[in-house]
């Protein structure tokens, strides 16, 4: 099934290193920093802070790995928002993301959707 265009859904491709993985971005909610088709390296960690872009299991959708920017911490987890508010489904709809739902933070773009290798935006 095709991912919804209004979500920055990540398609997981496991790396051989346990603490790293790569993901492909699908959707427009994190534009312009992350574009659909971009591949990113994710450092598997739950140690995140405001401003980090994280990959996490979306609340209520354990089958959906999503990516958003951490806005702030709350008592029950992280408040996350998409960079493109008008096309983002984020904490404004589903609330805080529990710390144990966090897969890690995006650390480097490894391939732009049009090709090439680039560092973090």
PDB file of N, CA and C in Angstrom:
ATOM      1  N   UNK A   1       0.833  -1.189   0.000  1.00  0.00           N
ATOM      2  CA  UNK A   1       0.000   0.000   0.000  1.00  0.00           C
ATOM      3  C   UNK A   1       0.872   1.243   0.000  1.00  0.00           C
ATOM      4  N   UNK A   2       0.453   2.254  -0.725  1.00  0.00           N
ATOM      5  CA  UNK A   2       1.184   3.520  -0.801  1.00  0.00           C
ATOM      6  C   UNK A   2       1.013   4.307   0.486  1.00  0.00           C
ATOM      7  N   UNK A   3       2.088   4.937   0.996  1.00  0.00           N
ATOM      8  CA  UNK A   3       1.947   5.771   2.189  1.00  0.00           C
ATOM      9  C   UNK A   3       1.145   7.023   1.873  1.00  0.00           C
ATOM     10  N   UNK A   4       0.455   7.515   2.890  1.00  0.00           N
ATOM     11  CA  UNK A   4      -0.314   8.740   2.749  1.00  0.00           C
ATOM     12  C   UNK A   4       0.636   9.895   2.445  1.00  0.00           C
ATOM     13  N   UNK A   5       0.305  10.770   1.468  1.00  0.00           N
ATOM     14  CA  UNK A   5       1.209  11.867   1.114  1.00  0.00           C
ATOM     15  C   UNK A   5       1.345  12.922   2.202  1.00  0.00           C
ATOM     16  N   UNK A   6       0.475  12.926   3.219  1.00  0.00           N
ATOM     17  CA  UNK A   6       0.558  13.953   4.248  1.00  0.00           C
ATOM     18  C   UNK A   6       1.356  13.513   5.472  1.00  0.00           C
ATOM     19  N   UNK A   7       2.042  12.404   5.391  1.00  0.00           N
ATOM     20  CA  UNK A   7       2.846  11.903   6.503  1.00  0.00           C
ATOM     21  C   UNK A   7       4.277  11.715   6.039  1.00  0.00           C
ATOM     22  N   UNK A   8       5.210  12.014   6.926  1.00  0.00           N
ATOM     23  CA  UNK A   8       6.612  11.741   6.611  1.00  0.00           C
ATOM     24  C   UNK A   8       6.889  10.323   7.087  1.00  0.00           C
ATOM     25  N   UNK A   9       6.420   9.367   6.323  1.00  0.00           N
ATOM     26  CA  UNK A   9       6.546   7.959   6.667  1.00  0.00           C
ATOM     27  C   UNK A   9       7.940   7.482   6.287  1.00  0.00           C
ATOM     28  N   UNK A  10       8.509   6.691   7.146  1.00  0.00           N
ATOM     29  CA  UNK A  10       9.826   6.146   6.879  1.00  0.00           C
ATOM     30  C   UNK A  10       9.706   4.684   6.515  1.00  0.00           C
ATOM     31  N   UNK A  11      10.365   4.298   5.456  1.00  0.00           N
ATOM     32  CA  UNK A  11      10.418   2.906   5.067  1.00  0.00           C
ATOM     33  C   UNK A  11      11.743   2.360   5.552  1.00  0.00           C
ATOM     34  N   UNK A  12      11.707   1.431   6.459  1.00  0.00           N
ATOM     35  CA  UNK A  12      12.900   0.968   7.152  1.00  0.00           C
ATOM     36  C   UNK A  12      13.681  -0.041   6.322  1.00  0.00           C
ATOM     37  N   UNK A  13      14.993   0.137   6.303  1.00  0.00           N
ATOM     38  CA  UNK A  13      15.898  -0.807   5.678  1.00  0.00           C
ATOM     39  C   UNK A  13      17.024  -1.021   6.673  1.00  0.00           C
ATOM     40  N   UNK A  14      16.996  -2.150   7.364  1.00  0.00           N
ATOM     41  CA  UNK A  14      17.954  -2.380   8.445  1.00  0.00           C
ATOM     42  C   UNK A  14      19.382  -2.452   7.938  1.00  0.00           C
ATOM     43  N   UNK A  15      20.266  -1.824   8.678  1.00  0.00           N
ATOM     44  CA  UNK A  15      21.704  -1.883   8.420  1.00  0.00           C
ATOM     45  C   UNK A  15      22.281  -3.064   9.192  1.00  0.00           C
ATOM     46  N   UNK A  16      23.522  -3.404   8.924  1.00  0.00           N
ATOM     47  CA  UNK A  16      24.180  -4.500   9.622  1.00  0.00           C
ATOM     48  C   UNK A  16      24.715  -4.073  10.976  1.00  0.00           C
ATOM     49  N   UNK A  17      24.792  -2.799  11.223  1.00  0.00           N
ATOM     50  CA  UNK A  17      25.270  -2.273  12.495  1.00  0.00           C
ATOM     51  C   UNK A  17      24.054  -2.050  13.388  1.00  0.00           C
ATOM     52  N   UNK A  18      24.068  -2.601  14.595  1.00  0.00           N
ATOM     53  CA  UNK A  18      22.897  -2.543  15.475  1.00  0.00           C
ATOM     54  C   UNK A  18      22.477  -1.135  15.836  1.00  0.00           C
ATOM     55  N   UNK A  19      23.403  -0.209  15.963  1.00  0.00           N
ATOM     56  CA  UNK A  19      23.041   1.128  16.422  1.00  0.00           C
ATOM     57  C   UNK A  19      22.806   2.117  15.290  1.00  0.00           C
ATOM     58  N   UNK A  20      22.851   1.649  14.046  1.00  0.00           N
ATOM     59  CA  UNK A  20      22.541   2.491  12.893  1.00  0.00           C
ATOM     60  C   UNK A  20      21.537   1.785  11.998  1.00  0.00           C
ATOM     61  N   UNK A  21      20.739   2.563  11.334  1.00  0.00           N
ATOM     62  CA  UNK A  21      19.848   2.038  10.310  1.00  0.00           C
ATOM     63  C   UNK A  21      19.652   3.130   9.264  1.00  0.00           C
ATOM     64  N   UNK A  22      19.167   2.769   8.097  1.00  0.00           N
ATOM     65  CA  UNK A  22      18.855   3.761   7.067  1.00  0.00           C
ATOM     66  C   UNK A  22      17.353   3.755   6.836  1.00  0.00           C
ATOM     67  N   UNK A  23      16.839   4.912   6.478  1.00  0.00           N
ATOM     68  CA  UNK A  23      15.416   5.053   6.208  1.00  0.00           C
ATOM     69  C   UNK A  23      15.211   5.923   4.980  1.00  0.00           C
ATOM     70  N   UNK A  24      14.125   5.666   4.284  1.00  0.00           N
ATOM     71  CA  UNK A  24      13.733   6.492   3.139  1.00  0.00           C
ATOM     72  C   UNK A  24      12.514   7.313   3.551  1.00  0.00           C
ATOM     73  N   UNK A  25      12.508   8.568   3.182  1.00  0.00           N
ATOM     74  CA  UNK A  25      11.406   9.468   3.521  1.00  0.00           C
ATOM     75  C   UNK A  25      10.328   9.371   2.443  1.00  0.00           C
ATOM     76  N   UNK A  26       9.074   9.340   2.898  1.00  0.00           N
ATOM     77  CA  UNK A  26       7.929   9.372   1.981  1.00  0.00           C
ATOM     78  C   UNK A  26       6.926  10.373   2.552  1.00  0.00           C
ATOM     79  N   UNK A  27       6.547  11.354   1.785  1.00  0.00           N
ATOM     80  CA  UNK A  27       5.595  12.351   2.259  1.00  0.00           C
ATOM     81  C   UNK A  27       6.210  13.739   2.308  1.00  0.00           C
ATOM     82  N   UNK A  28       5.381  14.729   2.590  1.00  0.00           N
ATOM     83  CA  UNK A  28       5.795  16.129   2.499  1.00  0.00           C
ATOM     84  C   UNK A  28       5.812  16.877   3.826  1.00  0.00           C
ATOM     85  N   UNK A  29       5.497  16.219   4.930  1.00  0.00           N
ATOM     86  CA  UNK A  29       5.327  16.951   6.188  1.00  0.00           C
ATOM     87  C   UNK A  29       6.614  17.510   6.781  1.00  0.00           C
ATOM     88  N   UNK A  30       7.781  17.087   6.284  1.00  0.00           N
ATOM     89  CA  UNK A  30       9.046  17.609   6.809  1.00  0.00           C
ATOM     90  C   UNK A  30       9.792  18.463   5.792  1.00  0.00           C
ATOM     91  N   UNK A  31       9.129  18.822   4.691  1.00  0.00           N
ATOM     92  CA  UNK A  31       9.773  19.696   3.704  1.00  0.00           C
ATOM     93  C   UNK A  31       9.913  21.100   4.272  1.00  0.00           C
ATOM     94  N   UNK A  32      10.952  21.815   3.913  1.00  0.00           N
ATOM     95  CA  UNK A  32      11.935  21.515   2.882  1.00  0.00           C
ATOM     96  C   UNK A  32      13.162  20.738   3.379  1.00  0.00           C
ATOM     97  N   UNK A  33      13.316  20.545   4.694  1.00  0.00           N
ATOM     98  CA  UNK A  33      14.528  19.895   5.208  1.00  0.00           C
ATOM     99  C   UNK A  33      14.662  18.449   4.741  1.00  0.00           C
ATOM    100  N   UNK A  34      13.565  17.702   4.721  1.00  0.00           N
ATOM    101  CA  UNK A  34      13.568  16.315   4.287  1.00  0.00           C
ATOM    102  C   UNK A  34      12.558  16.178   3.161  1.00  0.00           C
ATOM    103  N   UNK A  35      13.003  15.596   2.062  1.00  0.00           N
ATOM    104  CA  UNK A  35      12.122  15.441   0.908  1.00  0.00           C
ATOM    105  C   UNK A  35      11.798  13.982   0.671  1.00  0.00           C
ATOM    106  N   UNK A  36      10.631  13.750   0.144  1.00  0.00           N
ATOM    107  CA  UNK A  36      10.223  12.400  -0.206  1.00  0.00           C
ATOM    108  C   UNK A  36      11.264  11.792  -1.146  1.00  0.00           C
ATOM    109  N   UNK A  37      11.713  10.598  -0.831  1.00  0.00           N
ATOM    110  CA  UNK A  37      12.736   9.929  -1.632  1.00  0.00           C
ATOM    111  C   UNK A  37      14.136  10.048  -1.048  1.00  0.00           C
ATOM    112  N   UNK A  38      14.345  10.972  -0.112  1.00  0.00           N
ATOM    113  CA  UNK A  38      15.647  11.089   0.558  1.00  0.00           C
ATOM    114  C   UNK A  38      15.910   9.847   1.404  1.00  0.00           C
ATOM    115  N   UNK A  39      17.166   9.446   1.496  1.00  0.00           N
ATOM    116  CA  UNK A  39      17.600   8.371   2.398  1.00  0.00           C
ATOM    117  C   UNK A  39      18.428   8.997   3.506  1.00  0.00           C
ATOM    118  N   UNK A  40      18.150   8.621   4.755  1.00  0.00           N
ATOM    119  CA  UNK A  40      18.829   9.172   5.928  1.00  0.00           C
ATOM    120  C   UNK A  40      19.394   8.066   6.795  1.00  0.00           C
ATOM    121  N   UNK A  41      20.510   8.371   7.419  1.00  0.00           N
ATOM    122  CA  UNK A  41      21.117   7.491   8.410  1.00  0.00           C
ATOM    123  C   UNK A  41      20.510   7.850   9.765  1.00  0.00           C
ATOM    124  N   UNK A  42      20.059   6.842  10.507  1.00  0.00           N
ATOM    125  CA  UNK A  42      19.438   7.042  11.809  1.00  0.00           C
ATOM    126  C   UNK A  42      20.310   6.396  12.873  1.00  0.00           C
ATOM    127  N   UNK A  43      20.685   7.163  13.865  1.00  0.00           N
ATOM    128  CA  UNK A  43      21.398   6.636  15.017  1.00  0.00           C
ATOM    129  C   UNK A  43      20.348   6.140  16.000  1.00  0.00           C
ATOM    130  N   UNK A  44      20.368   4.848  16.276  1.00  0.00           N
ATOM    131  CA  UNK A  44      19.387   4.269  17.200  1.00  0.00           C
ATOM    132  C   UNK A  44      19.701   4.733  18.615  1.00  0.00           C
ATOM    133  N   UNK A  45      18.831   5.551  19.155  1.00  0.00           N
ATOM    134  CA  UNK A  45      18.984   6.083  20.508  1.00  0.00           C
ATOM    135  C   UNK A  45      17.653   6.645  20.961  1.00  0.00           C
ATOM    136  N   UNK A  46      17.470   6.680  22.244  1.00  0.00           N
ATOM    137  CA  UNK A  46      16.298   7.356  22.810  1.00  0.00           C
ATOM    138  C   UNK A  46      16.706   8.662  23.457  1.00  0.00           C
ATOM    139  N   UNK A  47      18.002   8.970  23.395  1.00  0.00           N
ATOM    140  CA  UNK A  47      18.524  10.228  23.953  1.00  0.00           C
ATOM    141  C   UNK A  47      18.366  11.320  22.903  1.00  0.00           C
ATOM    142  N   UNK A  48      17.237  12.002  22.950  1.00  0.00           N
ATOM    143  CA  UNK A  48      16.946  13.068  21.987  1.00  0.00           C
ATOM    144  C   UNK A  48      16.673  14.349  22.749  1.00  0.00           C
ATOM    145  N   UNK A  49      16.673  15.458  22.018  1.00  0.00           N
ATOM    146  CA  UNK A  49      16.407  16.758  22.647  1.00  0.00           C
ATOM    147  C   UNK A  49      15.674  17.648  21.640  1.00  0.00           C
ATOM    148  N   UNK A  50      15.070  18.733  22.124  1.00  0.00           N
ATOM    149  CA  UNK A  50      14.359  19.636  21.224  1.00  0.00           C
ATOM    150  C   UNK A  50      15.253  20.074  20.060  1.00  0.00           C
ATOM    151  N   UNK A  51      14.666  20.071  18.875  1.00  0.00           N
ATOM    152  CA  UNK A  51      15.390  20.423  17.655  1.00  0.00           C
ATOM    153  C   UNK A  51      15.820  19.208  16.857  1.00  0.00           C
ATOM    154  N   UNK A  52      15.972  18.053  17.520  1.00  0.00           N
ATOM    155  CA  UNK A  52      16.353  16.824  16.802  1.00  0.00           C
ATOM    156  C   UNK A  52      15.213  16.355  15.918  1.00  0.00           C
ATOM    157  N   UNK A  53      15.553  15.781  14.770  1.00  0.00           N
ATOM    158  CA  UNK A  53      14.578  15.110  13.919  1.00  0.00           C
ATOM    159  C   UNK A  53      14.686  13.632  14.264  1.00  0.00           C
ATOM    160  N   UNK A  54      13.551  13.041  14.653  1.00  0.00           N
ATOM    161  CA  UNK A  54      13.575  11.663  15.135  1.00  0.00           C
ATOM    162  C   UNK A  54      12.676  10.745  14.314  1.00  0.00           C
ATOM    163  N   UNK A  55      13.025   9.472  14.330  1.00  0.00           N
ATOM    164  CA  UNK A  55      12.183   8.413  13.782  1.00  0.00           C
ATOM    165  C   UNK A  55      11.531   7.733  14.974  1.00  0.00           C
ATOM    166  N   UNK A  56      10.229   7.468  14.889  1.00  0.00           N
ATOM    167  CA  UNK A  56       9.489   6.889  16.006  1.00  0.00           C
ATOM    168  C   UNK A  56       8.282   6.127  15.485  1.00  0.00           C
ATOM    169  N   UNK A  57       7.791   5.230  16.324  1.00  0.00           N
ATOM    170  CA  UNK A  57       6.563   4.504  16.001  1.00  0.00           C
ATOM    171  C   UNK A  57       5.397   5.408  16.371  1.00  0.00           C
ATOM    172  N   UNK A  58       4.577   5.751  15.386  1.00  0.00           N
ATOM    173  CA  UNK A  58       3.482   6.698  15.609  1.00  0.00           C
ATOM    174  C   UNK A  58       2.480   6.149  16.621  1.00  0.00           C
ATOM    175  N   UNK A  59       2.091   6.965  17.612  1.00  0.00           N
ATOM    176  CA  UNK A  59       1.124   6.506  18.612  1.00  0.00           C
ATOM    177  C   UNK A  59      -0.154   5.969  17.966  1.00  0.00           C
ATOM    178  N   UNK A  60      -0.574   4.816  18.425  1.00  0.00           N
ATOM    179  CA  UNK A  60      -1.777   4.194  17.887  1.00  0.00           C
ATOM    180  C   UNK A  60      -1.563   3.462  16.580  1.00  0.00           C
ATOM    181  N   UNK A  61      -0.364   3.509  16.022  1.00  0.00           N
ATOM    182  CA  UNK A  61      -0.058   2.862  14.733  1.00  0.00           C
ATOM    183  C   UNK A  61       1.307   2.177  14.839  1.00  0.00           C
ATOM    184  N   UNK A  62       1.386   1.076  15.536  1.00  0.00           N
ATOM    185  CA  UNK A  62       2.676   0.412  15.746  1.00  0.00           C
ATOM    186  C   UNK A  62       3.309  -0.070  14.444  1.00  0.00           C
ATOM    187  N   UNK A  63       2.542  -0.061  13.363  1.00  0.00           N
ATOM    188  CA  UNK A  63       3.067  -0.468  12.054  1.00  0.00           C
ATOM    189  C   UNK A  63       3.618   0.721  11.262  1.00  0.00           C
ATOM    190  N   UNK A  64       3.523   1.936  11.803  1.00  0.00           N
ATOM    191  CA  UNK A  64       3.905   3.128  11.053  1.00  0.00           C
ATOM    192  C   UNK A  64       5.086   3.837  11.706  1.00  0.00           C
ATOM    193  N   UNK A  65       6.226   3.784  11.029  1.00  0.00           N
ATOM    194  CA  UNK A  65       7.408   4.504  11.472  1.00  0.00           C
ATOM    195  C   UNK A  65       7.329   5.887  10.844  1.00  0.00           C
ATOM    196  N   UNK A  66       7.421   6.926  11.683  1.00  0.00           N
ATOM    197  CA  UNK A  66       7.263   8.309  11.210  1.00  0.00           C
ATOM    198  C   UNK A  66       8.481   9.131  11.594  1.00  0.00           C
ATOM    199  N   UNK A  67       8.578  10.325  11.019  1.00  0.00           N
ATOM    200  CA  UNK A  67       9.678  11.238  11.344  1.00  0.00           C
ATOM    201  C   UNK A  67       9.127  12.640  11.545  1.00  0.00           C
ATOM    202  N   UNK A  68       9.553  13.267  12.640  1.00  0.00           N
ATOM    203  CA  UNK A  68       9.150  14.639  12.952  1.00  0.00           C
ATOM    204  C   UNK A  68      10.277  15.283  13.747  1.00  0.00           C
ATOM    205  N   UNK A  69      10.156  16.595  13.954  1.00  0.00           N
ATOM    206  CA  UNK A  69      11.125  17.336  14.748  1.00  0.00           C
ATOM    207  C   UNK A  69      10.620  17.438  16.196  1.00  0.00           C
ATOM    208  N   UNK A  70      11.504  17.171  17.157  1.00  0.00           N
ATOM    209  CA  UNK A  70      11.153  17.290  18.573  1.00  0.00           C
ATOM    210  C   UNK A  70      10.984  18.767  18.900  1.00  0.00           C
ATOM    211  N   UNK A  71       9.835  19.121  19.431  1.00  0.00           N
ATOM    212  CA  UNK A  71       9.553  20.500  19.818  1.00  0.00           C
ATOM    213  C   UNK A  71       9.891  20.723  21.289  1.00  0.00           C
ATOM    214  N   UNK A  72       9.348  19.864  22.154  1.00  0.00           N
ATOM    215  CA  UNK A  72       9.644  19.979  23.588  1.00  0.00           C
ATOM    216  C   UNK A  72       9.297  18.673  24.300  1.00  0.00           C
ATOM    217  N   UNK A  73       9.802  18.548  25.526  1.00  0.00           N
ATOM    218  CA  UNK A  73       9.500  17.390  26.372  1.00  0.00           C
ATOM    219  C   UNK A  73       8.246  17.681  27.183  1.00  0.00           C
ATOM    220  N   UNK A  74       7.473  16.633  27.423  1.00  0.00           N
ATOM    221  CA  UNK A  74       6.303  16.705  28.297  1.00  0.00           C
ATOM    222  C   UNK A  74       6.443  15.580  29.314  1.00  0.00           C
ATOM    223  N   UNK A  75       5.612  15.575  30.320  1.00  0.00           N
ATOM    224  CA  UNK A  75       5.674  14.531  31.346  1.00  0.00           C
ATOM    225  C   UNK A  75       5.493  13.136  30.746  1.00  0.00           C
ATOM    226  N   UNK A  76       4.681  13.030  29.679  1.00  0.00           N
ATOM    227  CA  UNK A  76       4.394  11.726  29.090  1.00  0.00           C
ATOM    228  C   UNK A  76       5.181  11.429  27.821  1.00  0.00           C
ATOM    229  N   UNK A  77       6.139  12.260  27.455  1.00  0.00           N
ATOM    230  CA  UNK A  77       6.952  11.982  26.265  1.00  0.00           C
ATOM    231  C   UNK A  77       7.362  13.233  25.521  1.00  0.00           C
ATOM    232  N   UNK A  78       7.589  13.053  24.230  1.00  0.00           N
ATOM    233  CA  UNK A  78       8.080  14.145  23.371  1.00  0.00           C
ATOM    234  C   UNK A  78       6.958  14.715  22.530  1.00  0.00           C
ATOM    235  N   UNK A  79       6.888  16.045  22.462  1.00  0.00           N
ATOM    236  CA  UNK A  79       5.947  16.734  21.572  1.00  0.00           C
ATOM    237  C   UNK A  79       6.690  16.938  20.261  1.00  0.00           C
ATOM    238  N   UNK A  80       6.152  16.360  19.182  1.00  0.00           N
ATOM    239  CA  UNK A  80       6.823  16.416  17.886  1.00  0.00           C
ATOM    240  C   UNK A  80       5.938  17.127  16.875  1.00  0.00           C
ATOM    241  N   UNK A  81       6.580  17.869  15.967  1.00  0.00           N
ATOM    242  CA  UNK A  81       5.855  18.615  14.946  1.00  0.00           C
ATOM    243  C   UNK A  81       6.537  18.438  13.598  1.00  0.00           C
ATOM    244  N   UNK A  82       5.743  18.422  12.537  1.00  0.00           N
ATOM    245  CA  UNK A  82       6.289  18.426  11.193  1.00  0.00           C
ATOM    246  C   UNK A  82       6.726  19.833  10.827  1.00  0.00           C
ATOM    247  N   UNK A  83       7.759  19.954   9.987  1.00  0.00           N
ATOM    248  CA  UNK A  83       8.230  21.275   9.564  1.00  0.00           C
ATOM    249  C   UNK A  83       7.204  21.988   8.691  1.00  0.00           C
ATOM    250  N   UNK A  84       6.409  21.232   7.957  1.00  0.00           N
ATOM    251  CA  UNK A  84       5.367  21.794   7.100  1.00  0.00           C
ATOM    252  C   UNK A  84       4.026  21.578   7.796  1.00  0.00           C
ATOM    253  N   UNK A  85       3.675  22.507   8.678  1.00  0.00           N
ATOM    254  CA  UNK A  85       2.514  22.342   9.556  1.00  0.00           C
ATOM    255  C   UNK A  85       1.215  22.028   8.813  1.00  0.00           C
ATOM    256  N   UNK A  86       1.006  22.626   7.659  1.00  0.00           N
ATOM    257  CA  UNK A  86      -0.256  22.435   6.944  1.00  0.00           C
ATOM    258  C   UNK A  86      -0.404  21.019   6.379  1.00  0.00           C
ATOM    259  N   UNK A  87       0.696  20.280   6.224  1.00  0.00           N
ATOM    260  CA  UNK A  87       0.582  18.926   5.683  1.00  0.00           C
ATOM    261  C   UNK A  87       1.048  17.855   6.667  1.00  0.00           C
ATOM    262  N   UNK A  88       1.161  18.213   7.937  1.00  0.00           N
ATOM    263  CA  UNK A  88       1.702  17.278   8.925  1.00  0.00           C
ATOM    264  C   UNK A  88       0.642  16.726   9.864  1.00  0.00           C
ATOM    265  N   UNK A  89       0.722  15.430  10.086  1.00  0.00           N
ATOM    266  CA  UNK A  89      -0.023  14.782  11.164  1.00  0.00           C
ATOM    267  C   UNK A  89       1.016  14.531  12.237  1.00  0.00           C
ATOM    268  N   UNK A  90       0.827  15.138  13.409  1.00  0.00           N
ATOM    269  CA  UNK A  90       1.867  15.108  14.433  1.00  0.00           C
ATOM    270  C   UNK A  90       1.237  15.165  15.822  1.00  0.00           C
ATOM    271  N   UNK A  91       1.985  15.612  16.819  1.00  0.00           N
ATOM    272  CA  UNK A  91       1.487  15.628  18.198  1.00  0.00           C
ATOM    273  C   UNK A  91       0.226  16.463  18.376  1.00  0.00           C
ATOM    274  N   UNK A  92      -0.038  17.371  17.465  1.00  0.00           N
ATOM    275  CA  UNK A  92      -1.290  18.139  17.550  1.00  0.00           C
ATOM    276  C   UNK A  92      -2.493  17.227  17.373  1.00  0.00           C
ATOM    277  N   UNK A  93      -2.313  16.103  16.667  1.00  0.00           N
ATOM    278  CA  UNK A  93      -3.393  15.146  16.481  1.00  0.00           C
ATOM    279  C   UNK A  93      -3.309  13.973  17.459  1.00  0.00           C
ATOM    280  N   UNK A  94      -2.112  13.420  17.693  1.00  0.00           N
ATOM    281  CA  UNK A  94      -2.017  12.195  18.497  1.00  0.00           C
ATOM    282  C   UNK A  94      -1.332  12.364  19.845  1.00  0.00           C
ATOM    283  N   UNK A  95      -0.954  13.578  20.212  1.00  0.00           N
ATOM    284  CA  UNK A  95      -0.349  13.795  21.515  1.00  0.00           C
ATOM    285  C   UNK A  95       1.141  13.482  21.540  1.00  0.00           C
ATOM    286  N   UNK A  96       1.678  13.371  22.729  1.00  0.00           N
ATOM    287  CA  UNK A  96       3.110  13.147  22.909  1.00  0.00           C
ATOM    288  C   UNK A  96       3.513  11.739  22.474  1.00  0.00           C
ATOM    289  N   UNK A  97       4.756  11.627  22.039  1.00  0.00           N
ATOM    290  CA  UNK A  97       5.333  10.336  21.650  1.00  0.00           C
ATOM    291  C   UNK A  97       6.081   9.777  22.858  1.00  0.00           C
ATOM    292  N   UNK A  98       5.713   8.570  23.271  1.00  0.00           N
ATOM    293  CA  UNK A  98       6.352   7.944  24.425  1.00  0.00           C
ATOM    294  C   UNK A  98       7.841   7.712  24.150  1.00  0.00           C
ATOM    295  N   UNK A  99       8.694   7.882  25.155  1.00  0.00           N
ATOM    296  CA  UNK A  99      10.134   7.673  24.952  1.00  0.00           C
ATOM    297  C   UNK A  99      10.484   6.299  24.381  1.00  0.00           C
ATOM    298  N   UNK A 100       9.748   5.265  24.772  1.00  0.00           N
ATOM    299  CA  UNK A 100      10.067   3.927  24.266  1.00  0.00           C
ATOM    300  C   UNK A 100       9.599   3.698  22.828  1.00  0.00           C
ATOM    301  N   UNK A 101       8.882   4.666  22.241  1.00  0.00           N
ATOM    302  CA  UNK A 101       8.477   4.581  20.838  1.00  0.00           C
ATOM    303  C   UNK A 101       9.529   5.170  19.901  1.00  0.00           C
ATOM    304  N   UNK A 102      10.542   5.832  20.463  1.00  0.00           N
ATOM    305  CA  UNK A 102      11.577   6.484  19.655  1.00  0.00           C
ATOM    306  C   UNK A 102      12.572   5.438  19.156  1.00  0.00           C
ATOM    307  N   UNK A 103      12.778   5.392  17.839  1.00  0.00           N
ATOM    308  CA  UNK A 103      13.784   4.513  17.240  1.00  0.00           C
ATOM    309  C   UNK A 103      15.154   5.184  17.278  1.00  0.00           C
ATOM    310  N   UNK A 104      15.202   6.483  16.983  1.00  0.00           N
ATOM    311  CA  UNK A 104      16.472   7.195  16.981  1.00  0.00           C
ATOM    312  C   UNK A 104      16.346   8.541  16.311  1.00  0.00           C
ATOM    313  N   UNK A 105      17.521   9.186  16.135  1.00  0.00           N
ATOM    314  CA  UNK A 105      17.502  10.499  15.493  1.00  0.00           C
ATOM    315  C   UNK A 105      18.241  10.456  14.168  1.00  0.00           C
ATOM    316  N   UNK A 106      17.725  11.239  13.249  1.00  0.00           N
ATOM    317  CA  UNK A 106      18.337  11.325  11.932  1.00  0.00           C
ATOM    318  C   UNK A 106      19.619  12.128  12.047  1.00  0.00           C
ATOM    319  N   UNK A 107      20.720  11.576  11.538  1.00  0.00           N
ATOM    320  CA  UNK A 107      22.015  12.231  11.714  1.00  0.00           C
ATOM    321  C   UNK A 107      22.648  12.688  10.406  1.00  0.00           C
ATOM    322  N   UNK A 108      22.298  12.056   9.280  1.00  0.00           N
ATOM    323  CA  UNK A 108      22.929  12.453   8.021  1.00  0.00           C
ATOM    324  C   UNK A 108      22.109  11.949   6.835  1.00  0.00           C
ATOM    325  N   UNK A 109      21.915  12.828   5.888  1.00  0.00           N
ATOM    326  CA  UNK A 109      21.280  12.410   4.634  1.00  0.00           C
ATOM    327  C   UNK A 109      22.347  11.686   3.821  1.00  0.00           C
ATOM    328  N   UNK A 110      22.038  10.495   3.368  1.00  0.00           N
ATOM    329  CA  UNK A 110      23.018   9.735   2.597  1.00  0.00           C
ATOM    330  C   UNK A 110      22.724   9.768   1.103  1.00  0.00           C
ATOM    331  N   UNK A 111      21.497  10.123   0.745  1.00  0.00           N
ATOM    332  CA  UNK A 111      21.176  10.248  -0.675  1.00  0.00           C
ATOM    333  C   UNK A 111      19.945  11.121  -0.842  1.00  0.00           C
ATOM    334  N   UNK A 112      20.048  12.130  -1.685  1.00  0.00           N
ATOM    335  CA  UNK A 112      18.916  12.967  -2.056  1.00  0.00           C
ATOM    336  C   UNK A 112      18.045  12.185  -3.015  1.00  0.00           C
ATOM    337  N   UNK A 113      16.787  12.529  -3.067  1.00  0.00           N
ATOM    338  CA  UNK A 113      15.872  11.836  -3.965  1.00  0.00           C
ATOM    339  C   UNK A 113      16.333  11.907  -5.414  1.00  0.00           C
ATOM    340  N   UNK A 114      17.063  12.968  -5.770  1.00  0.00           N
ATOM    341  CA  UNK A 114      17.566  13.109  -7.143  1.00  0.00           C
ATOM    342  C   UNK A 114      18.965  12.529  -7.304  1.00  0.00           C
ATOM    343  N   UNK A 115      19.534  11.964  -6.215  1.00  0.00           N
ATOM    344  CA  UNK A 115      20.869  11.378  -6.262  1.00  0.00           C
ATOM    345  C   UNK A 115      21.878  12.242  -5.537  1.00  0.00           C
ATOM    346  N   UNK A 116      23.082  11.753  -5.386  1.00  0.00           N
ATOM    347  CA  UNK A 116      24.145  12.491  -4.719  1.00  0.00           C
ATOM    348  C   UNK A 116      24.221  12.182  -3.240  1.00  0.00           C
ATOM    349  N   UNK A 117      25.291  12.615  -2.612  1.00  0.00           N
ATOM    350  CA  UNK A 117      25.490  12.429  -1.188  1.00  0.00           C
ATOM    351  C   UNK A 117      25.633  13.787  -0.547  1.00  0.00           C
ATOM    352  N   UNK A 118      24.974  13.975   0.589  1.00  0.00           N
ATOM    353  CA  UNK A 118      24.990  15.273   1.234  1.00  0.00           C
ATOM    354  C   UNK A 118      24.947  15.108   2.744  1.00  0.00           C
ATOM    355  N   UNK A 119      25.373  16.129   3.460  1.00  0.00           N
ATOM    356  CA  UNK A 119      25.297  16.129   4.919  1.00  0.00           C
ATOM    357  C   UNK A 119      23.940  16.583   5.406  1.00  0.00           C
ATOM    358  N   UNK A 120      23.808  16.696   6.713  1.00  0.00           N
ATOM    359  CA  UNK A 120      22.541  17.091   7.329  1.00  0.00           C
ATOM    360  C   UNK A 120      22.135  18.502   6.913  1.00  0.00           C
ATOM    361  N   UNK A 121      20.845  18.683   6.646  1.00  0.00           N
ATOM    362  CA  UNK A 121      20.335  20.005   6.287  1.00  0.00           C
ATOM    363  C   UNK A 121      20.285  20.899   7.482  1.00  0.00           C
TER     364      UNK A 121
END
